[in-house]
Every structure is written in C-alpha cells, then in structure tokens.
PDB file of N, CA and C in Angstrom:
ATOM      1  N   HIS A   1     120.397 143.844 122.561  1.00  0.00           N
ATOM      2  CA  HIS A   1     118.846 143.921 122.499  1.00  0.00           C
ATOM      3  C   HIS A   1     118.740 145.373 121.232  1.00  0.00           C
ATOM      4  N   LEU A   2     118.738 144.427 120.370  1.00  0.00           N
ATOM      5  CA  LEU A   2     118.454 145.498 118.823  1.00  0.00           C
ATOM      6  C   LEU A   2     116.840 145.814 119.142  1.00  0.00           C
ATOM      7  N   SER A   3     116.530 146.801 118.148  1.00  0.00           N
ATOM      8  CA  SER A   3     115.589 147.505 118.206  1.00  0.00           C
ATOM      9  C   SER A   3     114.576 147.083 116.901  1.00  0.00           C
ATOM     10  N   LEU A   4     113.745 147.016 116.673  1.00  0.00           N
ATOM     11  CA  LEU A   4     113.349 146.830 115.273  1.00  0.00           C
ATOM     12  C   LEU A   4     113.938 147.941 114.219  1.00  0.00           C
ATOM     13  N   ALA A   5     113.978 149.149 114.116  1.00  0.00           N
ATOM     14  CA  ALA A   5     114.422 149.756 113.369  1.00  0.00           C
ATOM     15  C   ALA A   5     116.476 149.347 112.907  1.00  0.00           C
ATOM     16  N   ALA A   6     116.789 148.968 113.957  1.00  0.00           N
ATOM     17  CA  ALA A   6     119.075 148.482 114.003  1.00  0.00           C
ATOM     18  C   ALA A   6     118.393 147.263 113.590  1.00  0.00           C
ATOM     19  N   SER A   7     117.389 145.797 113.134  1.00  0.00           N
ATOM     20  CA  SER A   7     117.551 144.903 112.687  1.00  0.00           C
ATOM     21  C   SER A   7     117.242 144.563 111.952  1.00  0.00           C
ATOM     22  N   GLN A   8     116.301 145.909 111.054  1.00  0.00           N
ATOM     23  CA  GLN A   8     116.063 145.986 110.007  1.00  0.00           C
ATOM     24  C   GLN A   8     117.345 147.269 108.435  1.00  0.00           C
ATOM     25  N   MET A   9     118.220 147.378 109.523  1.00  0.00           N
ATOM     26  CA  MET A   9     119.145 148.599 108.938  1.00  0.00           C
ATOM     27  C   MET A   9     120.182 147.613 108.485  1.00  0.00           C
ATOM     28  N   PRO A  10     119.912 147.663 106.992  1.00  0.00           N
ATOM     29  CA  PRO A  10     121.021 146.951 105.428  1.00  0.00           C
ATOM     30  C   PRO A  10     122.603 146.626 106.011  1.00  0.00           C
ATOM     31  N   GLN A  11     123.931 145.692 106.431  1.00  0.00           N
ATOM     32  CA  GLN A  11     124.772 145.172 106.113  1.00  0.00           C
ATOM     33  C   GLN A  11     124.960 145.168 104.909  1.00  0.00           C
ATOM     34  N   ILE A  12     126.786 145.507 105.312  1.00  0.00           N
ATOM     35  CA  ILE A  12     127.287 145.240 103.998  1.00  0.00           C
ATOM     36  C   ILE A  12     128.422 144.200 104.699  1.00  0.00           C
ATOM     37  N   LEU A  13     127.873 143.201 103.192  1.00  0.00           N
ATOM     38  CA  LEU A  13     128.929 141.766 104.071  1.00  0.00           C
ATOM     39  C   LEU A  13     130.651 141.612 102.979  1.00  0.00           C
ATOM     40  N   VAL A  14     131.605 142.248 104.098  1.00  0.00           N
ATOM     41  CA  VAL A  14     132.574 142.042 103.475  1.00  0.00           C
ATOM     42  C   VAL A  14     133.020 139.880 102.611  1.00  0.00           C
ATOM     43  N   ASP A  15     133.080 139.594 101.540  1.00  0.00           N
ATOM     44  CA  ASP A  15     133.673 138.572 101.186  1.00  0.00           C
ATOM     45  C   ASP A  15     135.380 139.032 101.423  1.00  0.00           C
ATOM     46  N   HIS A  16     135.932 139.134 102.844  1.00  0.00           N
ATOM     47  CA  HIS A  16     137.701 138.761 103.179  1.00  0.00           C
ATOM     48  C   HIS A  16     137.426 138.322 103.914  1.00  0.00           C
ATOM     49  N   PRO A  17     138.546 137.553 104.352  1.00  0.00           N
ATOM     50  CA  PRO A  17     138.851 136.411 105.666  1.00  0.00           C
ATOM     51  C   PRO A  17     139.106 137.797 106.534  1.00  0.00           C
ATOM     52  N   TRP A  18     140.330 138.459 105.826  1.00  0.00           N
ATOM     53  CA  TRP A  18     140.884 139.279 107.228  1.00  0.00           C
ATOM     54  C   TRP A  18     140.474 140.388 106.939  1.00  0.00           C
ATOM     55  N   THR A  19     140.689 141.793 108.239  1.00  0.00           N
ATOM     56  CA  THR A  19     140.295 142.763 107.783  1.00  0.00           C
ATOM     57  C   THR A  19     140.934 144.198 108.778  1.00  0.00           C
ATOM     58  N   PRO A  20     141.299 145.011 108.553  1.00  0.00           N
ATOM     59  CA  PRO A  20     141.050 145.878 107.411  1.00  0.00           C
ATOM     60  C   PRO A  20     141.222 145.270 106.111  1.00  0.00           C
ATOM     61  N   ALA A  21     140.167 145.180 105.256  1.00  0.00           N
ATOM     62  CA  ALA A  21     140.284 144.973 103.675  1.00  0.00           C
ATOM     63  C   ALA A  21     141.084 145.935 103.262  1.00  0.00           C
ATOM     64  N   VAL A  22     141.994 145.671 102.317  1.00  0.00           N
ATOM     65  CA  VAL A  22     142.977 145.495 101.665  1.00  0.00           C
ATOM     66  C   VAL A  22     142.927 146.163  99.985  1.00  0.00           C
ATOM     67  N   LEU A  23     143.630 147.103  99.685  1.00  0.00           N
ATOM     68  CA  LEU A  23     142.940 146.457  97.988  1.00  0.00           C
ATOM     69  C   LEU A  23     143.737 145.550  97.224  1.00  0.00           C
ATOM     70  N   TRP A  24     145.235 144.724  97.568  1.00  0.00           N
ATOM     71  CA  TRP A  24     146.103 144.217  96.920  1.00  0.00           C
ATOM     72  C   TRP A  24     145.825 142.652  97.563  1.00  0.00           C
ATOM     73  N   ASP A  25     144.382 142.725  98.096  1.00  0.00           N
ATOM     74  CA  ASP A  25     143.545 141.836  97.996  1.00  0.00           C
ATOM     75  C   ASP A  25     142.163 141.587  97.108  1.00  0.00           C
ATOM     76  N   ARG A  26     141.647 140.876  96.871  1.00  0.00           N
ATOM     77  CA  ARG A  26     140.468 141.067  96.347  1.00  0.00           C
ATOM     78  C   ARG A  26     139.198 141.343  97.170  1.00  0.00           C
ATOM     79  N   VAL A  27     138.176 142.617  96.778  1.00  0.00           N
ATOM     80  CA  VAL A  27     137.745 142.899  98.589  1.00  0.00           C
ATOM     81  C   VAL A  27     136.375 142.529  97.091  1.00  0.00           C
ATOM     82  N   ALA A  28     134.818 142.001  98.012  1.00  0.00           N
ATOM     83  CA  ALA A  28     133.891 142.136  97.479  1.00  0.00           C
ATOM     84  C   ALA A  28     133.072 143.154  98.026  1.00  0.00           C
ATOM     85  N   LEU A  29     132.513 143.390  98.464  1.00  0.00           N
ATOM     86  CA  LEU A  29     131.259 143.511  99.071  1.00  0.00           C
ATOM     87  C   LEU A  29     129.773 143.264  98.539  1.00  0.00           C
ATOM     88  N   THR A  30     128.692 143.190  99.771  1.00  0.00           N
ATOM     89  CA  THR A  30     127.608 142.835  99.094  1.00  0.00           C
ATOM     90  C   THR A  30     126.498 143.593 100.268  1.00  0.00           C
ATOM     91  N   CYS A  31     125.699 144.205  99.123  1.00  0.00           N
ATOM     92  CA  CYS A  31     125.084 145.126 100.840  1.00  0.00           C
ATOM     93  C   CYS A  31     123.597 144.549 100.858  1.00  0.00           C
ATOM     94  N   GLN A  32     123.476 143.761 101.480  1.00  0.00           N
ATOM     95  CA  GLN A  32     122.369 142.209 102.763  1.00  0.00           C
ATOM     96  C   GLN A  32     121.334 143.346 103.529  1.00  0.00           C
ATOM     97  N   GLY A  33     120.446 142.716 103.377  1.00  0.00           N
ATOM     98  CA  GLY A  33     118.839 143.412 103.939  1.00  0.00           C
ATOM     99  C   GLY A  33     117.339 143.266 103.396  1.00  0.00           C
ATOM    100  N   SER A  34     117.128 144.484 104.188  1.00  0.00           N
ATOM    101  CA  SER A  34     115.502 143.707 103.667  1.00  0.00           C
ATOM    102  C   SER A  34     115.222 145.208 102.645  1.00  0.00           C
ATOM    103  N   GLY A  35     114.038 145.353 101.861  1.00  0.00           N
ATOM    104  CA  GLY A  35     113.554 146.419 101.335  1.00  0.00           C
ATOM    105  C   GLY A  35     114.283 145.695  99.743  1.00  0.00           C
ATOM    106  N   THR A  36     113.751 147.127  98.736  1.00  0.00           N
ATOM    107  CA  THR A  36     113.732 146.503  97.886  1.00  0.00           C
ATOM    108  C   THR A  36     115.812 146.387  97.265  1.00  0.00           C
ATOM    109  N   PRO A  37     115.211 144.695  96.572  1.00  0.00           N
ATOM    110  CA  PRO A  37     116.691 144.652  96.170  1.00  0.00           C
ATOM    111  C   PRO A  37     117.340 144.847  94.895  1.00  0.00           C
ATOM    112  N   SER A  38     116.579 145.716  94.104  1.00  0.00           N
ATOM    113  CA  SER A  38     116.650 146.271  92.927  1.00  0.00           C
ATOM    114  C   SER A  38     116.462 148.252  93.014  1.00  0.00           C
ATOM    115  N   GLY A  39     116.588 148.645  95.108  1.00  0.00           N
ATOM    116  CA  GLY A  39     116.874 149.935  94.823  1.00  0.00           C
ATOM    117  C   GLY A  39     118.062 150.455  95.809  1.00  0.00           C
ATOM    118  N   ILE A  40     119.195 149.339  95.195  1.00  0.00           N
ATOM    119  CA  ILE A  40     120.610 149.668  96.220  1.00  0.00           C
ATOM    120  C   ILE A  40     121.146 151.354  95.114  1.00  0.00           C
ATOM    121  N   THR A  41     121.539 151.777  96.613  1.00  0.00           N
ATOM    122  CA  THR A  41     122.755 152.752  95.894  1.00  0.00           C
ATOM    123  C   THR A  41     123.981 152.636  97.378  1.00  0.00           C
ATOM    124  N   TRP A  42     125.281 152.291  96.412  1.00  0.00           N
ATOM    125  CA  TRP A  42     126.123 152.335  96.952  1.00  0.00           C
ATOM    126  C   TRP A  42     126.949 154.180  97.023  1.00  0.00           C
ATOM    127  N   TYR A  43     127.656 154.136  98.139  1.00  0.00           N
ATOM    128  CA  TYR A  43     127.752 155.683  99.190  1.00  0.00           C
ATOM    129  C   TYR A  43     129.548 155.020  98.426  1.00  0.00           C
ATOM    130  N   LYS A  44     130.796 156.034  98.163  1.00  0.00           N
ATOM    131  CA  LYS A  44     132.343 156.173  98.288  1.00  0.00           C
ATOM    132  C   LYS A  44     132.751 157.074  98.899  1.00  0.00           C
ATOM    133  N   ASP A  45     133.476 157.625 100.291  1.00  0.00           N
ATOM    134  CA  ASP A  45     133.763 158.509 100.674  1.00  0.00           C
ATOM    135  C   ASP A  45     132.360 159.247 100.720  1.00  0.00           C
ATOM    136  N   GLY A  46     131.009 159.425 100.887  1.00  0.00           N
ATOM    137  CA  GLY A  46     129.983 159.876 101.825  1.00  0.00           C
ATOM    138  C   GLY A  46     128.948 160.364 100.265  1.00  0.00           C
ATOM    139  N   LYS A  47     129.295 160.375  98.944  1.00  0.00           N
ATOM    140  CA  LYS A  47     129.336 160.501  97.576  1.00  0.00           C
ATOM    141  C   LYS A  47     127.848 159.274  96.928  1.00  0.00           C
ATOM    142  N   ARG A  48     127.519 159.633  96.588  1.00  0.00           N
ATOM    143  CA  ARG A  48     126.923 159.050  95.255  1.00  0.00           C
ATOM    144  C   ARG A  48     127.681 158.000  94.491  1.00  0.00           C
ATOM    145  N   TRP A  49     127.893 156.541  93.819  1.00  0.00           N
ATOM    146  CA  TRP A  49     128.651 155.798  93.488  1.00  0.00           C
ATOM    147  C   TRP A  49     128.346 155.084  92.995  1.00  0.00           C
ATOM    148  N   GLN A  50     127.601 153.702  93.188  1.00  0.00           N
ATOM    149  CA  GLN A  50     127.115 153.521  91.924  1.00  0.00           C
ATOM    150  C   GLN A  50     125.577 153.358  92.561  1.00  0.00           C
ATOM    151  N   GLU A  51     124.206 152.815  91.588  1.00  0.00           N
ATOM    152  CA  GLU A  51     123.161 151.740  91.583  1.00  0.00           C
ATOM    153  C   GLU A  51     122.945 151.076  90.782  1.00  0.00           C
ATOM    154  N   GLY A  52     121.962 150.143  91.385  1.00  0.00           N
ATOM    155  CA  GLY A  52     121.424 149.138  91.020  1.00  0.00           C
ATOM    156  C   GLY A  52     121.887 147.365  91.636  1.00  0.00           C
ATOM    157  N   ALA A  53     123.437 147.775  91.867  1.00  0.00           N
ATOM    158  CA  ALA A  53     124.177 146.279  92.041  1.00  0.00           C
ATOM    159  C   ALA A  53     124.011 145.460  93.542  1.00  0.00           C
ATOM    160  N   ASN A  54     123.621 145.116  93.531  1.00  0.00           N
ATOM    161  CA  ASN A  54     124.125 144.028  95.651  1.00  0.00           C
ATOM    162  C   ASN A  54     124.876 143.656  95.405  1.00  0.00           C
ATOM    163  N   LEU A  55     126.502 143.412  94.683  1.00  0.00           N
ATOM    164  CA  LEU A  55     127.610 142.940  94.883  1.00  0.00           C
ATOM    165  C   LEU A  55     128.733 143.813  93.752  1.00  0.00           C
ATOM    166  N   ILE A  56     129.323 144.403  94.413  1.00  0.00           N
ATOM    167  CA  ILE A  56     130.002 145.424  94.153  1.00  0.00           C
ATOM    168  C   ILE A  56     131.489 144.352  94.528  1.00  0.00           C
ATOM    169  N   PHE A  57     132.661 144.662  93.206  1.00  0.00           N
ATOM    170  CA  PHE A  57     134.082 144.054  93.177  1.00  0.00           C
ATOM    171  C   PHE A  57     134.696 146.053  93.974  1.00  0.00           C
ATOM    172  N   VAL A  58     135.691 146.103  94.843  1.00  0.00           N
ATOM    173  CA  VAL A  58     136.156 147.438  95.068  1.00  0.00           C
ATOM    174  C   VAL A  58     137.864 147.174  94.512  1.00  0.00           C
ATOM    175  N   THR A  59     137.774 148.440  93.895  1.00  0.00           N
ATOM    176  CA  THR A  59     138.758 148.612  93.004  1.00  0.00           C
ATOM    177  C   THR A  59     139.706 150.527  94.233  1.00  0.00           C
ATOM    178  N   THR A  60     139.358 150.808  94.148  1.00  0.00           N
ATOM    179  CA  THR A  60     139.745 152.489  95.584  1.00  0.00           C
ATOM    180  C   THR A  60     139.343 151.750  96.528  1.00  0.00           C
ATOM    181  N   SER A  61     140.162 152.270  97.614  1.00  0.00           N
ATOM    182  CA  SER A  61     140.662 152.858  98.865  1.00  0.00           C
ATOM    183  C   SER A  61     139.716 154.093  98.706  1.00  0.00           C
ATOM    184  N   GLY A  62     138.277 153.730 100.169  1.00  0.00           N
ATOM    185  CA  GLY A  62     137.938 154.341 100.507  1.00  0.00           C
ATOM    186  C   GLY A  62     136.530 153.634 101.823  1.00  0.00           C
ATOM    187  N   THR A  63     135.780 155.074 102.073  1.00  0.00           N
ATOM    188  CA  THR A  63     134.704 154.007 103.330  1.00  0.00           C
ATOM    189  C   THR A  63     133.479 154.398 102.336  1.00  0.00           C
ATOM    190  N   TYR A  64     132.940 152.608 102.501  1.00  0.00           N
ATOM    191  CA  TYR A  64     131.610 152.389 101.437  1.00  0.00           C
ATOM    192  C   TYR A  64     130.376 152.533 102.805  1.00  0.00           C
ATOM    193  N   THR A  65     129.440 152.724 102.114  1.00  0.00           N
ATOM    194  CA  THR A  65     128.171 152.158 102.647  1.00  0.00           C
ATOM    195  C   THR A  65     127.160 152.622 101.909  1.00  0.00           C
ATOM    196  N   CYS A  66     125.939 151.639 101.684  1.00  0.00           N
ATOM    197  CA  CYS A  66     124.901 151.106 101.072  1.00  0.00           C
ATOM    198  C   CYS A  66     123.291 151.808 102.258  1.00  0.00           C
ATOM    199  N   ASP A  67     122.265 151.960 100.721  1.00  0.00           N
ATOM    200  CA  ASP A  67     121.785 152.563 100.725  1.00  0.00           C
ATOM    201  C   ASP A  67     119.544 151.438  99.930  1.00  0.00           C
ATOM    202  N   ARG A  68     119.340 150.568 101.241  1.00  0.00           N
ATOM    203  CA  ARG A  68     118.843 149.729 100.139  1.00  0.00           C
ATOM    204  C   ARG A  68     117.412 150.341 100.441  1.00  0.00           C
ATOM    205  N   ALA A  69     116.667 151.016  99.320  1.00  0.00           N
ATOM    206  CA  ALA A  69     115.262 151.235  99.597  1.00  0.00           C
ATOM    207  C   ALA A  69     114.327 150.752 100.753  1.00  0.00           C
ATOM    208  N   GLY A  70     113.721 151.451 101.208  1.00  0.00           N
ATOM    209  CA  GLY A  70     112.646 150.714 102.563  1.00  0.00           C
ATOM    210  C   GLY A  70     114.043 150.926 103.530  1.00  0.00           C
ATOM    211  N   SER A  71     115.153 150.796 103.943  1.00  0.00           N
ATOM    212  CA  SER A  71     115.710 150.417 105.257  1.00  0.00           C
ATOM    213  C   SER A  71     116.588 151.217 105.675  1.00  0.00           C
ATOM    214  N   GLY A  72     117.029 152.258 104.405  1.00  0.00           N
ATOM    215  CA  GLY A  72     118.069 152.929 104.712  1.00  0.00           C
ATOM    216  C   GLY A  72     119.626 153.055 104.951  1.00  0.00           C
ATOM    217  N   PHE A  73     120.347 153.170 106.035  1.00  0.00           N
ATOM    218  CA  PHE A  73     121.833 153.225 105.551  1.00  0.00           C
ATOM    219  C   PHE A  73     122.493 152.394 106.621  1.00  0.00           C
ATOM    220  N   SER A  74     123.602 151.045 105.592  1.00  0.00           N
ATOM    221  CA  SER A  74     124.236 151.126 106.155  1.00  0.00           C
ATOM    222  C   SER A  74     125.383 151.209 106.826  1.00  0.00           C
ATOM    223  N   PRO A  75     126.443 151.059 108.016  1.00  0.00           N
ATOM    224  CA  PRO A  75     127.031 151.267 108.618  1.00  0.00           C
ATOM    225  C   PRO A  75     128.511 151.150 107.405  1.00  0.00           C
ATOM    226  N   PRO A  76     129.226 152.480 107.664  1.00  0.00           N
ATOM    227  CA  PRO A  76     130.859 152.379 107.123  1.00  0.00           C
ATOM    228  C   PRO A  76     131.134 150.776 107.192  1.00  0.00           C
ATOM    229  N   VAL A  77     131.556 150.213 105.952  1.00  0.00           N
ATOM    230  CA  VAL A  77     132.940 149.533 106.030  1.00  0.00           C
ATOM    231  C   VAL A  77     134.288 150.414 105.278  1.00  0.00           C
ATOM    232  N   THR A  78     136.002 150.129 105.774  1.00  0.00           N
ATOM    233  CA  THR A  78     136.640 151.156 105.262  1.00  0.00           C
ATOM    234  C   THR A  78     136.994 149.930 104.177  1.00  0.00           C
ATOM    235  N   VAL A  79     138.222 150.296 103.258  1.00  0.00           N
ATOM    236  CA  VAL A  79     138.861 149.364 102.780  1.00  0.00           C
ATOM    237  C   VAL A  79     140.594 150.292 102.686  1.00  0.00           C
ATOM    238  N   LYS A  80     141.078 149.627 102.511  1.00  0.00           N
ATOM    239  CA  LYS A  80     142.371 151.408 102.438  1.00  0.00           C
ATOM    240  C   LYS A  80     143.669 150.528 101.139  1.00  0.00           C
ATOM    241  N   ASN A  81     144.123 150.798 101.093  1.00  0.00           N
ATOM    242  CA  ASN A  81     145.650 150.827 100.410  1.00  0.00           C
ATOM    243  C   ASN A  81     146.593 150.802 100.994  1.00  0.00           C
ATOM    244  N   ASP A  82     147.128 151.130 102.006  1.00  0.00           N
ATOM    245  CA  ASP A  82     148.240 151.683 103.113  1.00  0.00           C
ATOM    246  C   ASP A  82     149.489 150.662 102.787  1.00  0.00           C
ATOM    247  N   GLN A  83     150.781 151.501 102.995  1.00  0.00           N
ATOM    248  CA  GLN A  83     151.764 150.368 102.757  1.00  0.00           C
ATOM    249  C   GLN A  83     151.693 149.217 103.490  1.00  0.00           C
ATOM    250  N   LEU A  84     151.647 150.027 105.028  1.00  0.00           N
ATOM    251  CA  LEU A  84     151.710 148.695 105.680  1.00  0.00           C
ATOM    252  C   LEU A  84     150.425 149.146 106.880  1.00  0.00           C
ATOM    253  N   VAL A  85     150.219 147.401 106.365  1.00  0.00           N
ATOM    254  CA  VAL A  85     148.520 147.350 107.586  1.00  0.00           C
ATOM    255  C   VAL A  85     148.349 145.846 108.207  1.00  0.00           C
ATOM    256  N   LEU A  86     148.130 146.100 109.741  1.00  0.00           N
ATOM    257  CA  LEU A  86     148.218 144.909 110.482  1.00  0.00           C
ATOM    258  C   LEU A  86     146.719 144.737 109.993  1.00  0.00           C
ATOM    259  N   GLN A  87     146.430 143.702 110.132  1.00  0.00           N
ATOM    260  CA  GLN A  87     145.224 142.471 110.307  1.00  0.00           C
ATOM    261  C   GLN A  87     144.744 141.271 110.935  1.00  0.00           C
ATOM    262  N   VAL A  88     143.268 141.187 111.394  1.00  0.00           N
ATOM    263  CA  VAL A  88     143.539 140.036 111.964  1.00  0.00           C
ATOM    264  C   VAL A  88     141.997 139.276 111.043  1.00  0.00           C
ATOM    265  N   PRO A  89     142.122 138.100 112.257  1.00  0.00           N
ATOM    266  CA  PRO A  89     140.768 137.446 110.699  1.00  0.00           C
ATOM    267  C   PRO A  89     139.594 137.721 111.830  1.00  0.00           C
ATOM    268  N   VAL A  90     139.056 137.934 110.342  1.00  0.00           N
ATOM    269  CA  VAL A  90     137.409 138.519 110.959  1.00  0.00           C
ATOM    270  C   VAL A  90     136.172 136.893 111.176  1.00  0.00           C
ATOM    271  N   ARG A  91     136.387 137.098 113.137  1.00  0.00           N
ATOM    272  CA  ARG A  91     135.751 135.824 113.282  1.00  0.00           C
ATOM    273  C   ARG A  91     135.062 137.046 114.974  1.00  0.00           C
ATOM    274  N   ALA A  92     134.937 136.497 115.916  1.00  0.00           N
ATOM    275  CA  ALA A  92     134.703 136.361 116.598  1.00  0.00           C
ATOM    276  C   ALA A  92     135.692 135.546 117.664  1.00  0.00           C
ATOM    277  N   LEU A  93     136.446 136.969 118.482  1.00  0.00           N
ATOM    278  CA  LEU A  93     137.443 136.095 119.585  1.00  0.00           C
ATOM    279  C   LEU A  93     136.753 135.699 121.066  1.00  0.00           C
ATOM    280  N   LEU A  94     137.816 135.460 121.412  1.00  0.00           N
ATOM    281  CA  LEU A  94     137.359 135.164 123.391  1.00  0.00           C
ATOM    282  C   LEU A  94     138.321 135.881 123.757  1.00  0.00           C
ATOM    283  N   GLU A  95     138.484 136.333 125.051  1.00  0.00           N
ATOM    284  CA  GLU A  95     139.976 136.560 126.114  1.00  0.00           C
ATOM    285  C   GLU A  95     140.772 134.865 126.563  1.00  0.00           C
ATOM    286  N   GLY A  96     141.764 134.749 125.928  1.00  0.00           N
ATOM    287  CA  GLY A  96     142.627 133.203 126.046  1.00  0.00           C
ATOM    288  C   GLY A  96     142.481 132.877 124.032  1.00  0.00           C
ATOM    289  N   ASP A  97     141.238 133.401 123.734  1.00  0.00           N
ATOM    290  CA  ASP A  97     142.097 132.717 122.004  1.00  0.00           C
ATOM    291  C   ASP A  97     143.340 132.610 121.094  1.00  0.00           C
ATOM    292  N   THR A  98     143.751 131.894 120.417  1.00  0.00           N
ATOM    293  CA  THR A  98     144.762 132.008 119.884  1.00  0.00           C
ATOM    294  C   THR A  98     144.789 132.809 118.788  1.00  0.00           C
ATOM    295  N   VAL A  99     145.519 134.097 118.344  1.00  0.00           N
ATOM    296  CA  VAL A  99     144.683 134.202 117.594  1.00  0.00           C
ATOM    297  C   VAL A  99     146.058 134.610 116.069  1.00  0.00           C
ATOM    298  N   THR A 100     146.658 134.684 114.778  1.00  0.00           N
ATOM    299  CA  THR A 100     147.470 134.815 113.962  1.00  0.00           C
ATOM    300  C   THR A 100     146.587 136.806 113.337  1.00  0.00           C
ATOM    301  N   LEU A 101     148.094 137.461 113.485  1.00  0.00           N
ATOM    302  CA  LEU A 101     147.750 138.703 112.691  1.00  0.00           C
ATOM    303  C   LEU A 101     149.001 138.269 111.601  1.00  0.00           C
ATOM    304  N   ARG A 102     148.642 139.570 110.806  1.00  0.00           N
ATOM    305  CA  ARG A 102     149.349 138.973 109.616  1.00  0.00           C
ATOM    306  C   ARG A 102     149.865 140.800 109.658  1.00  0.00           C
ATOM    307  N   CYS A 103     150.799 141.231 109.405  1.00  0.00           N
ATOM    308  CA  CYS A 103     151.465 142.254 109.234  1.00  0.00           C
ATOM    309  C   CYS A 103     151.930 142.307 107.997  1.00  0.00           C
ATOM    310  N   ARG A 104     151.196 143.327 106.726  1.00  0.00           N
ATOM    311  CA  ARG A 104     151.846 143.086 105.672  1.00  0.00           C
ATOM    312  C   ARG A 104     151.912 143.800 104.765  1.00  0.00           C
ATOM    313  N   ARG A 105     152.720 144.046 104.277  1.00  0.00           N
ATOM    314  CA  ARG A 105     153.406 145.512 103.488  1.00  0.00           C
ATOM    315  C   ARG A 105     152.871 144.942 101.173  1.00  0.00           C
TER     316      ARG A 105
END
C-alpha cells in the first residue's frame, strides 16, 4: 500500500540492464515523476550538481538523487567505479528463477 505522497515522489530511471550501474558502461539517468519538468535539480553525493535536465549521462561515480519541483526528492541511485563488480539483471526475480550474474573487472 503506497501513500499518496510516496506515489508522487520522483524516481530515477537507470537506462542500464544490470545493477549496480558501473561507469565502464554508458549510464543514463532520467528523473521521472509529477511536478514541473523544467524544475529539476540533480544532486551528486548530497551536493547540488546540475539543473534543468531531465536526462543526464553519468561520467563519475557517486550517489545521485533528483529533486523535481512540486514532488520532492527521489530515492538515491549509486553508480560505481569499482575494479571488481558483481552485477545482477535489473528485473524482478522470484525464488526458483534462473538468473545470470556478471562478475566484471
């Protein structure tokens, strides 16, 4: 059950088929939700970073959130730049499902 406030909170869509997102793959983030599309502010590691763009391409690791005027802050999304990363597909999984994991350096 979602409250009305939670359902209006913006979300960051990660255009990437694996999680966590890593810099050696091209990572695009979209701030989606209600509120004013022109009133978007992006934050990186808790600090104001960019304004106005709904879609950004990430070139540095960090934790990203977006603030969409009228609907508040999104939950954070972390983009990594680790030497070794275990990735899983970005999709819902149920117990007993077969899943492919990626271990990348």
